[in-house]
PDB file of N, CA and C in Angstrom:
ATOM      1  N   MET A   1     151.766 100.382-227.931  1.00  0.00           N
ATOM      2  CA  MET A   1     150.989  99.361-227.571  1.00  0.00           C
ATOM      3  C   MET A   1     151.032  98.405-226.567  1.00  0.00           C
ATOM      4  N   SER A   2     149.997  98.078-225.475  1.00  0.00           N
ATOM      5  CA  SER A   2     150.423  96.981-224.361  1.00  0.00           C
ATOM      6  C   SER A   2     150.610  95.526-225.159  1.00  0.00           C
ATOM      7  N   PRO A   3     151.285  94.732-224.422  1.00  0.00           N
ATOM      8  CA  PRO A   3     151.416  93.617-224.810  1.00  0.00           C
ATOM      9  C   PRO A   3     150.279  92.733-224.891  1.00  0.00           C
ATOM     10  N   LEU A   4     149.333  92.964-224.414  1.00  0.00           N
ATOM     11  CA  LEU A   4     148.283  92.148-224.265  1.00  0.00           C
ATOM     12  C   LEU A   4     147.364  92.254-225.716  1.00  0.00           C
ATOM     13  N   LYS A   5     147.449  93.693-226.183  1.00  0.00           N
ATOM     14  CA  LYS A   5     146.743  94.357-227.289  1.00  0.00           C
ATOM     15  C   LYS A   5     147.750  93.318-228.637  1.00  0.00           C
ATOM     16  N   ASN A   6     149.010  93.867-228.609  1.00  0.00           N
ATOM     17  CA  ASN A   6     149.988  93.058-229.440  1.00  0.00           C
ATOM     18  C   ASN A   6     149.652  91.398-229.832  1.00  0.00           C
ATOM     19  N   LYS A   7     149.224  90.234-228.358  1.00  0.00           N
ATOM     20  CA  LYS A   7     149.222  89.628-228.533  1.00  0.00           C
ATOM     21  C   LYS A   7     147.750  89.251-229.301  1.00  0.00           C
ATOM     22  N   PHE A   8     146.871  89.940-228.796  1.00  0.00           N
ATOM     23  CA  PHE A   8     145.421  89.826-229.255  1.00  0.00           C
ATOM     24  C   PHE A   8     145.662  90.027-230.811  1.00  0.00           C
ATOM     25  N   LEU A   9     146.035  91.088-231.379  1.00  0.00           N
ATOM     26  CA  LEU A   9     146.199  91.663-232.929  1.00  0.00           C
ATOM     27  C   LEU A   9     147.196  90.074-233.371  1.00  0.00           C
ATOM     28  N   THR A  10     147.943  89.969-232.888  1.00  0.00           N
ATOM     29  CA  THR A  10     148.710  88.689-233.411  1.00  0.00           C
ATOM     30  C   THR A  10     147.949  87.277-233.843  1.00  0.00           C
ATOM     31  N   LYS A  11     147.143  87.112-232.788  1.00  0.00           N
ATOM     32  CA  LYS A  11     146.346  85.934-232.796  1.00  0.00           C
ATOM     33  C   LYS A  11     145.091  86.191-234.002  1.00  0.00           C
ATOM     34  N   ILE A  12     144.500  87.321-234.118  1.00  0.00           N
ATOM     35  CA  ILE A  12     143.419  87.792-235.185  1.00  0.00           C
ATOM     36  C   ILE A  12     144.093  87.671-236.882  1.00  0.00           C
ATOM     37  N   PHE A  13     145.609  88.063-236.590  1.00  0.00           N
ATOM     38  CA  PHE A  13     146.434  87.862-237.734  1.00  0.00           C
ATOM     39  C   PHE A  13     146.403  86.408-238.135  1.00  0.00           C
ATOM     40  N   ILE A  14     146.739  85.802-237.358  1.00  0.00           N
ATOM     41  CA  ILE A  14     147.051  84.387-237.503  1.00  0.00           C
ATOM     42  C   ILE A  14     145.763  83.662-238.128  1.00  0.00           C
ATOM     43  N   TYR A  15     144.598  83.952-237.491  1.00  0.00           N
ATOM     44  CA  TYR A  15     143.426  83.539-237.589  1.00  0.00           C
ATOM     45  C   TYR A  15     142.880  83.761-239.179  1.00  0.00           C
ATOM     46  N   LEU A  16     143.330  85.027-239.534  1.00  0.00           N
ATOM     47  CA  LEU A  16     142.832  85.651-240.833  1.00  0.00           C
ATOM     48  C   LEU A  16     143.428  84.761-242.069  1.00  0.00           C
ATOM     49  N   ASN A  17     144.937  84.825-241.605  1.00  0.00           N
ATOM     50  CA  ASN A  17     146.100  83.755-242.817  1.00  0.00           C
ATOM     51  C   ASN A  17     145.131  82.351-242.689  1.00  0.00           C
ATOM     52  N   TYR A  18     144.833  82.044-241.393  1.00  0.00           N
ATOM     53  CA  TYR A  18     144.371  80.439-241.865  1.00  0.00           C
ATOM     54  C   TYR A  18     143.335  80.534-242.681  1.00  0.00           C
ATOM     55  N   LEU A  19     142.116  81.555-242.375  1.00  0.00           N
ATOM     56  CA  LEU A  19     140.794  81.466-243.679  1.00  0.00           C
ATOM     57  C   LEU A  19     141.497  81.760-244.791  1.00  0.00           C
ATOM     58  N   PHE A  20     142.042  82.701-244.808  1.00  0.00           N
ATOM     59  CA  PHE A  20     142.500  82.845-246.526  1.00  0.00           C
ATOM     60  C   PHE A  20     143.319  81.439-246.942  1.00  0.00           C
ATOM     61  N   ILE A  21     144.257  81.070-246.384  1.00  0.00           N
ATOM     62  CA  ILE A  21     144.709  79.373-246.653  1.00  0.00           C
ATOM     63  C   ILE A  21     143.442  78.553-247.202  1.00  0.00           C
ATOM     64  N   GLN A  22     142.203  78.559-246.034  1.00  0.00           N
ATOM     65  CA  GLN A  22     141.999  77.654-246.198  1.00  0.00           C
ATOM     66  C   GLN A  22     140.469  77.759-247.707  1.00  0.00           C
ATOM     67  N   LEU A  23     140.338  79.422-247.738  1.00  0.00           N
ATOM     68  CA  LEU A  23     139.357  79.683-248.914  1.00  0.00           C
ATOM     69  C   LEU A  23     140.303  79.253-250.228  1.00  0.00           C
ATOM     70  N   ILE A  24     141.965  79.422-250.196  1.00  0.00           N
ATOM     71  CA  ILE A  24     142.304  79.372-251.362  1.00  0.00           C
ATOM     72  C   ILE A  24     142.266  77.863-251.833  1.00  0.00           C
ATOM     73  N   ASN A  25     142.599  76.867-250.419  1.00  0.00           N
ATOM     74  CA  ASN A  25     142.380  75.584-250.997  1.00  0.00           C
ATOM     75  C   ASN A  25     141.298  74.941-251.447  1.00  0.00           C
ATOM     76  N   GLY A  26     139.910  75.491-250.902  1.00  0.00           N
ATOM     77  CA  GLY A  26     138.731  75.249-251.412  1.00  0.00           C
ATOM     78  C   GLY A  26     138.823  76.005-252.582  1.00  0.00           C
ATOM     79  N   GLN A  27     139.106  77.015-253.570  1.00  0.00           N
ATOM     80  CA  GLN A  27     138.958  77.113-254.627  1.00  0.00           C
ATOM     81  C   GLN A  27     139.621  76.229-255.674  1.00  0.00           C
ATOM     82  N   GLN A  28     140.772  75.662-255.249  1.00  0.00           N
ATOM     83  CA  GLN A  28     141.393  74.577-255.988  1.00  0.00           C
ATOM     84  C   GLN A  28     140.969  73.445-256.324  1.00  0.00           C
ATOM     85  N   GLN A  29     140.253  73.085-255.272  1.00  0.00           N
ATOM     86  CA  GLN A  29     139.503  71.913-255.227  1.00  0.00           C
ATOM     87  C   GLN A  29     138.270  71.741-256.171  1.00  0.00           C
ATOM     88  N   SER A  30     138.270  72.085-257.766  1.00  0.00           N
ATOM     89  CA  SER A  30     136.933  72.225-258.375  1.00  0.00           C
ATOM     90  C   SER A  30     136.617  70.775-258.378  1.00  0.00           C
ATOM     91  N   GLN A  31     137.215  70.084-258.966  1.00  0.00           N
ATOM     92  CA  GLN A  31     136.718  68.476-259.066  1.00  0.00           C
ATOM     93  C   GLN A  31     137.106  67.581-257.396  1.00  0.00           C
ATOM     94  N   PRO A  32     135.597  66.837-257.113  1.00  0.00           N
ATOM     95  CA  PRO A  32     135.613  66.326-255.734  1.00  0.00           C
ATOM     96  C   PRO A  32     136.736  65.130-256.024  1.00  0.00           C
ATOM     97  N   PHE A  33     137.336  64.664-255.244  1.00  0.00           N
ATOM     98  CA  PHE A  33     138.319  63.415-254.815  1.00  0.00           C
ATOM     99  C   PHE A  33     137.521  62.058-255.469  1.00  0.00           C
ATOM    100  N   GLN A  34     137.943  61.436-256.429  1.00  0.00           N
ATOM    101  CA  GLN A  34     137.159  60.142-256.743  1.00  0.00           C
ATOM    102  C   GLN A  34     138.390  58.998-256.649  1.00  0.00           C
ATOM    103  N   SER A  35     138.079  57.619-255.804  1.00  0.00           N
ATOM    104  CA  SER A  35     139.311  56.986-255.976  1.00  0.00           C
ATOM    105  C   SER A  35     138.632  56.382-257.363  1.00  0.00           C
ATOM    106  N   GLU A  36     139.835  55.246-257.749  1.00  0.00           N
ATOM    107  CA  GLU A  36     139.405  54.406-258.738  1.00  0.00           C
ATOM    108  C   GLU A  36     138.681  53.608-258.572  1.00  0.00           C
ATOM    109  N   GLU A  37     138.317  53.340-257.902  1.00  0.00           N
ATOM    110  CA  GLU A  37     136.868  52.080-257.358  1.00  0.00           C
ATOM    111  C   GLU A  37     135.770  53.142-257.758  1.00  0.00           C
ATOM    112  N   CYS A  38     135.733  54.437-257.292  1.00  0.00           N
ATOM    113  CA  CYS A  38     134.701  55.089-257.826  1.00  0.00           C
ATOM    114  C   CYS A  38     134.567  55.351-258.985  1.00  0.00           C
ATOM    115  N   LYS A  39     135.457  55.867-259.869  1.00  0.00           N
ATOM    116  CA  LYS A  39     135.480  55.891-261.055  1.00  0.00           C
ATOM    117  C   LYS A  39     135.029  54.654-262.006  1.00  0.00           C
ATOM    118  N   LYS A  40     135.685  53.808-261.485  1.00  0.00           N
ATOM    119  CA  LYS A  40     135.057  52.081-262.411  1.00  0.00           C
ATOM    120  C   LYS A  40     133.593  52.010-262.178  1.00  0.00           C
ATOM    121  N   ALA A  41     133.194  52.160-260.840  1.00  0.00           N
ATOM    122  CA  ALA A  41     131.986  52.053-260.633  1.00  0.00           C
ATOM    123  C   ALA A  41     130.882  53.164-261.407  1.00  0.00           C
ATOM    124  N   ALA A  42     131.483  54.314-261.524  1.00  0.00           N
ATOM    125  CA  ALA A  42     130.675  55.113-262.220  1.00  0.00           C
ATOM    126  C   ALA A  42     130.546  54.663-263.501  1.00  0.00           C
ATOM    127  N   THR A  43     131.704  54.064-263.979  1.00  0.00           N
ATOM    128  CA  THR A  43     131.818  53.933-265.585  1.00  0.00           C
ATOM    129  C   THR A  43     130.991  52.781-266.055  1.00  0.00           C
ATOM    130  N   ASN A  44     130.913  51.515-264.943  1.00  0.00           N
ATOM    131  CA  ASN A  44     130.069  50.402-265.312  1.00  0.00           C
ATOM    132  C   ASN A  44     128.551  50.714-264.793  1.00  0.00           C
ATOM    133  N   CYS A  45     128.127  51.924-264.077  1.00  0.00           N
ATOM    134  CA  CYS A  45     126.817  52.377-263.784  1.00  0.00           C
ATOM    135  C   CYS A  45     126.328  53.601-264.917  1.00  0.00           C
ATOM    136  N   GLU A  46     126.666  53.689-265.904  1.00  0.00           N
ATOM    137  CA  GLU A  46     126.345  54.729-266.929  1.00  0.00           C
ATOM    138  C   GLU A  46     125.237  54.281-267.523  1.00  0.00           C
ATOM    139  N   ASN A  47     124.420  53.465-267.625  1.00  0.00           N
ATOM    140  CA  ASN A  47     123.153  52.994-268.255  1.00  0.00           C
ATOM    141  C   ASN A  47     121.910  52.891-267.352  1.00  0.00           C
ATOM    142  N   SER A  48     122.377  52.868-266.284  1.00  0.00           N
ATOM    143  CA  SER A  48     121.289  52.382-265.302  1.00  0.00           C
ATOM    144  C   SER A  48     120.998  53.826-264.470  1.00  0.00           C
ATOM    145  N   THR A  49     119.935  54.312-264.620  1.00  0.00           N
ATOM    146  CA  THR A  49     119.808  55.500-263.584  1.00  0.00           C
ATOM    147  C   THR A  49     119.630  55.285-262.155  1.00  0.00           C
ATOM    148  N   ASP A  50     118.997  54.142-261.889  1.00  0.00           N
ATOM    149  CA  ASP A  50     118.868  53.613-260.541  1.00  0.00           C
ATOM    150  C   ASP A  50     120.310  53.483-259.618  1.00  0.00           C
ATOM    151  N   CYS A  51     121.171  52.842-260.320  1.00  0.00           N
ATOM    152  CA  CYS A  51     122.636  52.575-260.274  1.00  0.00           C
ATOM    153  C   CYS A  51     123.195  54.057-259.880  1.00  0.00           C
ATOM    154  N   VAL A  52     122.966  54.768-260.788  1.00  0.00           N
ATOM    155  CA  VAL A  52     123.785  56.130-260.648  1.00  0.00           C
ATOM    156  C   VAL A  52     123.448  57.335-259.709  1.00  0.00           C
ATOM    157  N   HIS A  53     121.915  57.122-259.034  1.00  0.00           N
ATOM    158  CA  HIS A  53     121.658  57.940-258.180  1.00  0.00           C
ATOM    159  C   HIS A  53     122.150  57.411-256.753  1.00  0.00           C
ATOM    160  N   ARG A  54     122.098  55.958-256.533  1.00  0.00           N
ATOM    161  CA  ARG A  54     122.878  55.087-255.514  1.00  0.00           C
ATOM    162  C   ARG A  54     124.435  55.312-255.474  1.00  0.00           C
ATOM    163  N   LEU A  55     124.999  55.442-256.078  1.00  0.00           N
ATOM    164  CA  LEU A  55     126.388  55.636-256.536  1.00  0.00           C
ATOM    165  C   LEU A  55     126.671  57.262-255.762  1.00  0.00           C
ATOM    166  N   ALA A  56     125.993  58.030-256.495  1.00  0.00           N
ATOM    167  CA  ALA A  56     125.990  59.437-256.177  1.00  0.00           C
ATOM    168  C   ALA A  56     125.906  59.525-254.242  1.00  0.00           C
ATOM    169  N   VAL A  57     125.371  58.898-253.785  1.00  0.00           N
ATOM    170  CA  VAL A  57     124.987  58.915-252.815  1.00  0.00           C
ATOM    171  C   VAL A  57     125.950  58.609-251.893  1.00  0.00           C
ATOM    172  N   LEU A  58     126.665  57.372-252.429  1.00  0.00           N
ATOM    173  CA  LEU A  58     127.897  56.621-251.581  1.00  0.00           C
ATOM    174  C   LEU A  58     129.011  57.706-251.897  1.00  0.00           C
ATOM    175  N   GLN A  59     129.307  58.229-253.206  1.00  0.00           N
ATOM    176  CA  GLN A  59     130.154  58.925-253.316  1.00  0.00           C
ATOM    177  C   GLN A  59     130.507  60.214-252.334  1.00  0.00           C
ATOM    178  N   SER A  60     129.096  60.714-252.545  1.00  0.00           N
ATOM    179  CA  SER A  60     129.021  62.162-251.539  1.00  0.00           C
ATOM    180  C   SER A  60     129.357  61.839-249.984  1.00  0.00           C
ATOM    181  N   ALA A  61     128.651  60.186-249.398  1.00  0.00           N
ATOM    182  CA  ALA A  61     129.254  60.123-248.185  1.00  0.00           C
ATOM    183  C   ALA A  61     130.641  60.005-247.927  1.00  0.00           C
ATOM    184  N   TRP A  62     131.091  59.267-249.074  1.00  0.00           N
ATOM    185  CA  TRP A  62     132.322  59.074-248.823  1.00  0.00           C
ATOM    186  C   TRP A  62     133.774  60.408-249.035  1.00  0.00           C
ATOM    187  N   SER A  63     132.866  61.215-249.903  1.00  0.00           N
ATOM    188  CA  SER A  63     133.949  62.585-249.968  1.00  0.00           C
ATOM    189  C   SER A  63     133.822  63.284-248.681  1.00  0.00           C
ATOM    190  N   GLU A  64     132.455  63.031-248.005  1.00  0.00           N
ATOM    191  CA  GLU A  64     132.225  64.164-246.814  1.00  0.00           C
ATOM    192  C   GLU A  64     132.728  63.335-245.510  1.00  0.00           C
ATOM    193  N   TYR A  65     133.210  61.991-245.331  1.00  0.00           N
ATOM    194  CA  TYR A  65     134.459  61.222-244.689  1.00  0.00           C
ATOM    195  C   TYR A  65     135.659  61.532-244.618  1.00  0.00           C
ATOM    196  N   LEU A  66     136.011  61.916-246.279  1.00  0.00           N
ATOM    197  CA  LEU A  66     137.301  62.106-246.707  1.00  0.00           C
ATOM    198  C   LEU A  66     137.619  63.479-245.985  1.00  0.00           C
ATOM    199  N   SER A  67     136.634  64.463-245.745  1.00  0.00           N
ATOM    200  CA  SER A  67     136.942  65.954-245.886  1.00  0.00           C
ATOM    201  C   SER A  67     137.564  66.375-243.884  1.00  0.00           C
ATOM    202  N   TYR A  68     137.194  65.232-243.357  1.00  0.00           N
ATOM    203  CA  TYR A  68     137.463  65.211-241.886  1.00  0.00           C
ATOM    204  C   TYR A  68     138.805  64.519-241.530  1.00  0.00           C
ATOM    205  N   PHE A  69     139.583  64.476-242.327  1.00  0.00           N
ATOM    206  CA  PHE A  69     141.141  64.029-242.274  1.00  0.00           C
ATOM    207  C   PHE A  69     141.706  65.212-243.269  1.00  0.00           C
TER     208      PHE A  69
END
């Protein structure tokens, strides 16, 4: 096997391992992360539908922000 082909196969193997690890990590996070402030706000908002909807948007945006780190 040529060194170039060997290097190419090694890179593919590393990339597939990376994808597999990402898949496993994604499955382990069944619940989104919620800070203590979010949990407290959710408890305080339970009786107000409008508040719950606004809070859900904020929590979604926060989770999306955290996913970049």
